[in-house]
C-alpha atoms as a PDB file:
ATOM      1  CA  MET A   1      18.689  -7.679  17.109  1.00  0.00           C
ATOM      2  CA  LYS A   2      15.688  -8.828  19.088  1.00  0.00           C
ATOM      3  CA  GLU A   3      13.359  -7.785  16.238  1.00  0.00           C
ATOM      4  CA  PHE A   4      15.451  -9.700  13.685  1.00  0.00           C
ATOM      5  CA  PHE A   5      15.247 -13.051  15.464  1.00  0.00           C
ATOM      6  CA  ASN A   6      11.648 -13.843  16.236  1.00  0.00           C
ATOM      7  CA  TRP A   7      12.205 -17.258  17.837  1.00  0.00           C
ATOM      8  CA  LYS A   8       8.525 -17.931  18.349  1.00  0.00           C
ATOM      9  CA  GLY A   9       7.862 -17.343  14.646  1.00  0.00           C
ATOM     10  CA  ILE A  10      10.851 -19.465  13.598  1.00  0.00           C
ATOM     11  CA  ILE A  11       9.832 -22.397  15.798  1.00  0.00           C
ATOM     12  CA  THR A  12       6.210 -22.154  14.633  1.00  0.00           C
ATOM     13  CA  GLY A  13       7.360 -22.091  11.000  1.00  0.00           C
ATOM     14  CA  VAL A  14       9.634 -25.118  11.378  1.00  0.00           C
ATOM     15  CA  VAL A  15       7.022 -27.180  13.228  1.00  0.00           C
ATOM     16  CA  SER A  16       4.244 -26.304  10.780  1.00  0.00           C
ATOM     17  CA  SER A  17       6.557 -27.077   7.831  1.00  0.00           C
ATOM     18  CA  LEU A  18       7.336 -30.515   9.275  1.00  0.00           C
ATOM     19  CA  ILE A  19       3.652 -31.204   9.841  1.00  0.00           C
ATOM     20  CA  ALA A  20       2.771 -30.070   6.313  1.00  0.00           C
ATOM     21  CA  ALA A  21       5.599 -32.164   4.827  1.00  0.00           C
ATOM     22  CA  GLY A  22       4.358 -35.237   6.753  1.00  0.00           C
ATOM     23  CA  ILE A  23       0.784 -34.741   5.585  1.00  0.00           C
ATOM     24  CA  PHE A  24       1.948 -34.150   2.008  1.00  0.00           C
ATOM     25  CA  TRP A  25       4.134 -37.285   2.054  1.00  0.00           C
ATOM     26  CA  PHE A  26       1.327 -39.382   3.546  1.00  0.00           C
ATOM     27  CA  LEU A  27      -1.164 -38.261   0.898  1.00  0.00           C
ATOM     28  CA  THR A  28       1.169 -38.575  -2.082  1.00  0.00           C
ATOM     29  CA  GLU A  29       3.379 -41.510  -1.071  1.00  0.00           C
ATOM     30  CA  LYS A  30       2.209 -43.833  -3.793  1.00  0.00           C
ATOM     31  CA  LEU A  31       1.000 -41.239  -6.289  1.00  0.00           C
ATOM     32  CA  LEU A  32       3.812 -38.728  -6.622  1.00  0.00           C
ATOM     33  CA  TRP A  33       6.975 -40.543  -5.578  1.00  0.00           C
ATOM     34  CA  CYS A  34       6.367 -43.511  -7.839  1.00  0.00           C
ATOM     35  CA  LEU A  35       6.226 -41.344 -10.947  1.00  0.00           C
ATOM     36  CA  SER A  36       9.505 -41.390 -12.786  1.00  0.00           C
ATOM     37  CA  LEU A  37       9.339 -38.355 -15.012  1.00  0.00           C
ATOM     38  CA  PRO A  38      12.365 -36.789 -16.668  1.00  0.00           C
ATOM     39  CA  LEU A  39      13.927 -33.831 -14.946  1.00  0.00           C
ATOM     40  CA  TRP A  40      13.012 -31.403 -17.710  1.00  0.00           C
ATOM     41  CA  ILE A  41       9.297 -32.131 -17.181  1.00  0.00           C
ATOM     42  CA  TRP A  42       9.637 -31.404 -13.450  1.00  0.00           C
ATOM     43  CA  LEU A  43      11.461 -28.175 -14.293  1.00  0.00           C
ATOM     44  CA  ILE A  44       8.739 -27.109 -16.738  1.00  0.00           C
ATOM     45  CA  VAL A  45       6.025 -27.854 -14.170  1.00  0.00           C
ATOM     46  CA  THR A  46       7.933 -25.893 -11.518  1.00  0.00           C
ATOM     47  CA  LEU A  47       8.476 -22.985 -13.907  1.00  0.00           C
ATOM     48  CA  PHE A  48       4.785 -22.995 -14.845  1.00  0.00           C
ATOM     49  CA  ILE A  49       3.743 -22.913 -11.185  1.00  0.00           C
ATOM     50  CA  ALA A  50       6.182 -20.052 -10.497  1.00  0.00           C
ATOM     51  CA  ILE A  51       4.888 -18.052 -13.486  1.00  0.00           C
ATOM     52  CA  VAL A  52       1.284 -18.558 -12.385  1.00  0.00           C
ATOM     53  CA  PHE A  53       2.179 -17.482  -8.842  1.00  0.00           C
ATOM     54  CA  PHE A  54       3.901 -14.278 -10.010  1.00  0.00           C
ATOM     55  CA  MET A  55       1.067 -13.469 -12.412  1.00  0.00           C
ATOM     56  CA  VAL A  56      -1.483 -13.824  -9.612  1.00  0.00           C
ATOM     57  CA  CYS A  57       0.645 -11.555  -7.383  1.00  0.00           C
ATOM     58  CA  PHE A  58       0.874  -8.999 -10.219  1.00  0.00           C
ATOM     59  CA  ILE A  59      -2.882  -9.069 -10.820  1.00  0.00           C
ATOM     60  CA  VAL A  60      -3.626  -8.669  -7.103  1.00  0.00           C
ATOM     61  CA  LYS A  61      -1.226  -5.717  -6.820  1.00  0.00           C
ATOM     62  CA  LYS A  62      -2.663  -4.090  -9.960  1.00  0.00           C
ATOM     63  CA  HIS A  63      -6.165  -4.503  -8.521  1.00  0.00           C
ATOM     64  CA  ARG A  64      -5.093  -2.923  -5.214  1.00  0.00           C
ATOM     65  CA  ILE A  65      -3.530   0.012  -7.077  1.00  0.00           C
ATOM     66  CA  THR A  66      -6.622   0.676  -9.194  1.00  0.00           C
ATOM     67  CA  HIS A  67      -8.856   0.332  -6.134  1.00  0.00           C
ATOM     68  CA  ALA A  68      -6.725   2.771  -4.100  1.00  0.00           C
ATOM     69  CA  ILE A  69      -6.560   5.271  -6.970  1.00  0.00           C
ATOM     70  CA  SER A  70     -10.327   5.120  -7.547  1.00  0.00           C
ATOM     71  CA  GLU A  71     -11.242   5.393  -3.851  1.00  0.00           C
ATOM     72  CA  TYR A  72      -8.770   7.946  -2.491  1.00  0.00           C
ATOM     73  CA  LYS A  73      -9.662  11.191  -4.273  1.00  0.00           C
ATOM     74  CA  GLU A  74     -10.424  13.546  -1.389  1.00  0.00           C
ATOM     75  CA  GLY A  75      -9.293  14.222   2.133  1.00  0.00           C
ATOM     76  CA  THR A  76      -8.024  16.646   4.746  1.00  0.00           C
ATOM     77  CA  PHE A  77      -4.462  17.045   5.949  1.00  0.00           C
ATOM     78  CA  GLY A  78      -4.178  17.939   9.594  1.00  0.00           C
ATOM     79  CA  ASP A  79      -6.774  20.627  10.323  1.00  0.00           C
ATOM     80  CA  SER A  80      -6.828  21.799   6.713  1.00  0.00           C
ATOM     81  CA  TYR A  81      -9.741  22.371   4.413  1.00  0.00           C
ATOM     82  CA  GLU A  82     -11.125  19.406   2.527  1.00  0.00           C
ATOM     83  CA  TYR A  83      -9.327  18.873  -0.779  1.00  0.00           C
ATOM     84  CA  THR A  84     -10.119  16.892  -3.918  1.00  0.00           C
ATOM     85  CA  TRP A  85      -7.776  15.726  -6.646  1.00  0.00           C
ATOM     86  CA  GLU A  86      -7.512  13.502  -9.684  1.00  0.00           C
ATOM     87  CA  TYR A  87      -4.792  11.172 -10.946  1.00  0.00           C
ATOM     88  CA  ARG A  88      -2.966  10.968 -14.248  1.00  0.00           C
ATOM     89  CA  LYS A  89      -0.208   8.717 -15.490  1.00  0.00           C
ATOM     90  CA  GLY A  90       3.177  10.257 -14.835  1.00  0.00           C
ATOM     91  CA  ASN A  91       6.672   9.718 -13.519  1.00  0.00           C
ATOM     92  CA  GLY A  92       7.180  12.939 -11.581  1.00  0.00           C
ATOM     93  CA  PRO A  93       8.731  13.173  -8.127  1.00  0.00           C
ATOM     94  CA  PHE A  94       5.330  12.645  -6.484  1.00  0.00           C
ATOM     95  CA  SER A  95       4.094   9.783  -8.645  1.00  0.00           C
ATOM     96  CA  VAL A  96       3.118   6.553  -6.986  1.00  0.00           C
ATOM     97  CA  TYR A  97       2.890   3.313  -8.983  1.00  0.00           C
ATOM     98  CA  GLY A  98       2.867   5.375 -12.182  1.00  0.00           C
ATOM     99  CA  TYR A  99       0.055   7.738 -11.133  1.00  0.00           C
ATOM    100  CA  GLU A 100       0.454  11.337 -10.027  1.00  0.00           C
ATOM    101  CA  PRO A 101      -2.165  13.524  -8.304  1.00  0.00           C
ATOM    102  CA  TYR A 102      -3.086  16.749 -10.111  1.00  0.00           C
ATOM    103  CA  GLN A 103      -5.842  19.383 -10.108  1.00  0.00           C
ATOM    104  CA  ILE A 104      -5.604  19.644  -6.340  1.00  0.00           C
ATOM    105  CA  ARG A 105      -8.212  22.098  -5.078  1.00  0.00           C
ATOM    106  CA  THR A 106     -10.428  22.691  -2.092  1.00  0.00           C
ATOM    107  CA  LYS A 107     -13.716  20.844  -2.223  1.00  0.00           C
ATOM    108  CA  ARG A 108     -15.601  24.118  -1.890  1.00  0.00           C
ATOM    109  CA  PRO A 109     -14.179  27.435  -3.081  1.00  0.00           C
ATOM    110  CA  LEU A 110     -12.316  29.474  -0.476  1.00  0.00           C
ATOM    111  CA  ALA A 111     -14.626  32.447  -1.107  1.00  0.00           C
ATOM    112  CA  GLU A 112     -17.535  30.266  -0.029  1.00  0.00           C
ATOM    113  CA  LEU A 113     -15.640  28.916   2.984  1.00  0.00           C
ATOM    114  CA  ASN A 114     -14.458  32.318   4.240  1.00  0.00           C
ATOM    115  CA  ASN A 115     -17.502  34.542   4.213  1.00  0.00           C
ATOM    116  CA  GLU A 116     -18.625  36.801   7.016  1.00  0.00           C
ATOM    117  CA  HIS A 117     -21.573  34.628   8.051  1.00  0.00           C
ATOM    118  CA  THR A 118     -19.704  31.366   8.420  1.00  0.00           C
ATOM    119  CA  ILE A 119     -16.871  30.594  10.776  1.00  0.00           C
ATOM    120  CA  THR A 120     -14.534  28.102   9.169  1.00  0.00           C
ATOM    121  CA  PHE A 121     -11.681  26.257  10.746  1.00  0.00           C
ATOM    122  CA  GLY A 122      -8.885  25.156   8.522  1.00  0.00           C
ATOM    123  CA  HIS A 123      -5.965  26.345   6.509  1.00  0.00           C
ATOM    124  CA  GLU A 124      -4.454  25.916   3.092  1.00  0.00           C
ATOM    125  CA  VAL A 125      -1.746  23.321   2.570  1.00  0.00           C
ATOM    126  CA  SER A 126       1.005  23.650  -0.007  1.00  0.00           C
ATOM    127  CA  GLU A 127       0.616  21.499  -3.093  1.00  0.00           C
ATOM    128  CA  GLU A 128       3.932  19.706  -2.519  1.00  0.00           C
ATOM    129  CA  ASN A 129       2.882  18.639   0.977  1.00  0.00           C
ATOM    130  CA  ILE A 130      -0.469  17.413  -0.295  1.00  0.00           C
ATOM    131  CA  LYS A 131       1.194  15.393  -3.062  1.00  0.00           C
ATOM    132  CA  ARG A 132       3.668  13.855  -0.600  1.00  0.00           C
ATOM    133  CA  ILE A 133       0.895  12.864   1.829  1.00  0.00           C
ATOM    134  CA  ILE A 134      -1.184  11.414  -1.020  1.00  0.00           C
ATOM    135  CA  GLN A 135       1.834   9.475  -2.276  1.00  0.00           C
ATOM    136  CA  ILE A 136       2.580   7.916   1.103  1.00  0.00           C
ATOM    137  CA  THR A 137      -1.097   7.180   1.781  1.00  0.00           C
ATOM    138  CA  VAL A 138      -1.539   5.326  -1.523  1.00  0.00           C
ATOM    139  CA  ILE A 139       1.602   3.284  -0.809  1.00  0.00           C
ATOM    140  CA  CYS A 140       0.154   2.364   2.602  1.00  0.00           C
ATOM    141  CA  MET A 141      -3.143   1.359   0.993  1.00  0.00           C
ATOM    142  CA  VAL A 142      -1.458  -0.901  -1.579  1.00  0.00           C
ATOM    143  CA  ASP A 143       1.571  -2.376   0.188  1.00  0.00           C
ATOM    144  CA  ILE A 144       0.631  -3.866   3.536  1.00  0.00           C
ATOM    145  CA  LYS A 145       4.258  -4.527   4.524  1.00  0.00           C
ATOM    146  CA  MET A 146       5.207  -0.881   4.002  1.00  0.00           C
ATOM    147  CA  LYS A 147       2.174   0.361   5.936  1.00  0.00           C
ATOM    148  CA  ASP A 148       3.748  -0.384   9.316  1.00  0.00           C
ATOM    149  CA  LYS A 149       6.908   1.480   8.327  1.00  0.00           C
ATOM    150  CA  LEU A 150       5.225   4.509   6.739  1.00  0.00           C
ATOM    151  CA  GLN A 151       2.365   5.044   9.209  1.00  0.00           C
ATOM    152  CA  PRO A 152       4.505   7.065  11.672  1.00  0.00           C
ATOM    153  CA  THR A 153       5.612   9.306   8.792  1.00  0.00           C
ATOM    154  CA  LEU A 154       1.999   9.958   7.828  1.00  0.00           C
ATOM    155  CA  VAL A 155       1.061  10.760  11.408  1.00  0.00           C
ATOM    156  CA  TYR A 156       3.995  13.161  11.626  1.00  0.00           C
ATOM    157  CA  LEU A 157       3.076  14.909   8.353  1.00  0.00           C
ATOM    158  CA  HIS A 158      -0.493  15.432   9.577  1.00  0.00           C
ATOM    159  CA  TYR A 159       0.881  16.696  12.892  1.00  0.00           C
ATOM    160  CA  LEU A 160       3.117  19.169  11.043  1.00  0.00           C
ATOM    161  CA  GLU A 161       0.103  20.525   9.192  1.00  0.00           C
ATOM    162  CA  ASP A 162      -1.729  20.948  12.517  1.00  0.00           C
ATOM    163  CA  SER A 163       1.176  22.622  14.258  1.00  0.00           C
ATOM    164  CA  ARG A 164       2.016  24.886  11.318  1.00  0.00           C
ATOM    165  CA  TYR A 165      -1.506  26.279  11.341  1.00  0.00           C
ATOM    166  CA  HIS A 166      -1.662  26.724  15.109  1.00  0.00           C
ATOM    167  CA  LYS A 167       1.666  28.574  15.263  1.00  0.00           C
ATOM    168  CA  LEU A 168       0.459  31.224  12.816  1.00  0.00           C
END
């Protein structure tokens, strides 16, 4: 219940709203309030502003998605080998915002990693786990509000990959 009612935030919001309303009224007292426009014009203006706002939000989210998809194409999971992947449009169980990772492979072939002259540290991760971690990571990169909620899950998934390898 304490998290639900953030009194400091509520008081700050109310005070700043009153200040903003006072400044807005002072600046537009003669300009805006003296206009007597029909209600349907005010509704059209309000609808236009709302449509512009939602279109800007859509464009920003689409840009974040394309940026996250283009940037996040390789990584390690726990103490695993380094993997690379690509994205394709799809609606599978591991798709995120309409994109699904595929062609998941180690960055260098396992034969090259595990030769007798080189000591490598790492392990293979199942494809389902990799897809789940990629899915959650892309969501965290795009949706800032969900990042705080999903970050502990990501940490736990990486920890599971560490502990699974060390138990073997």
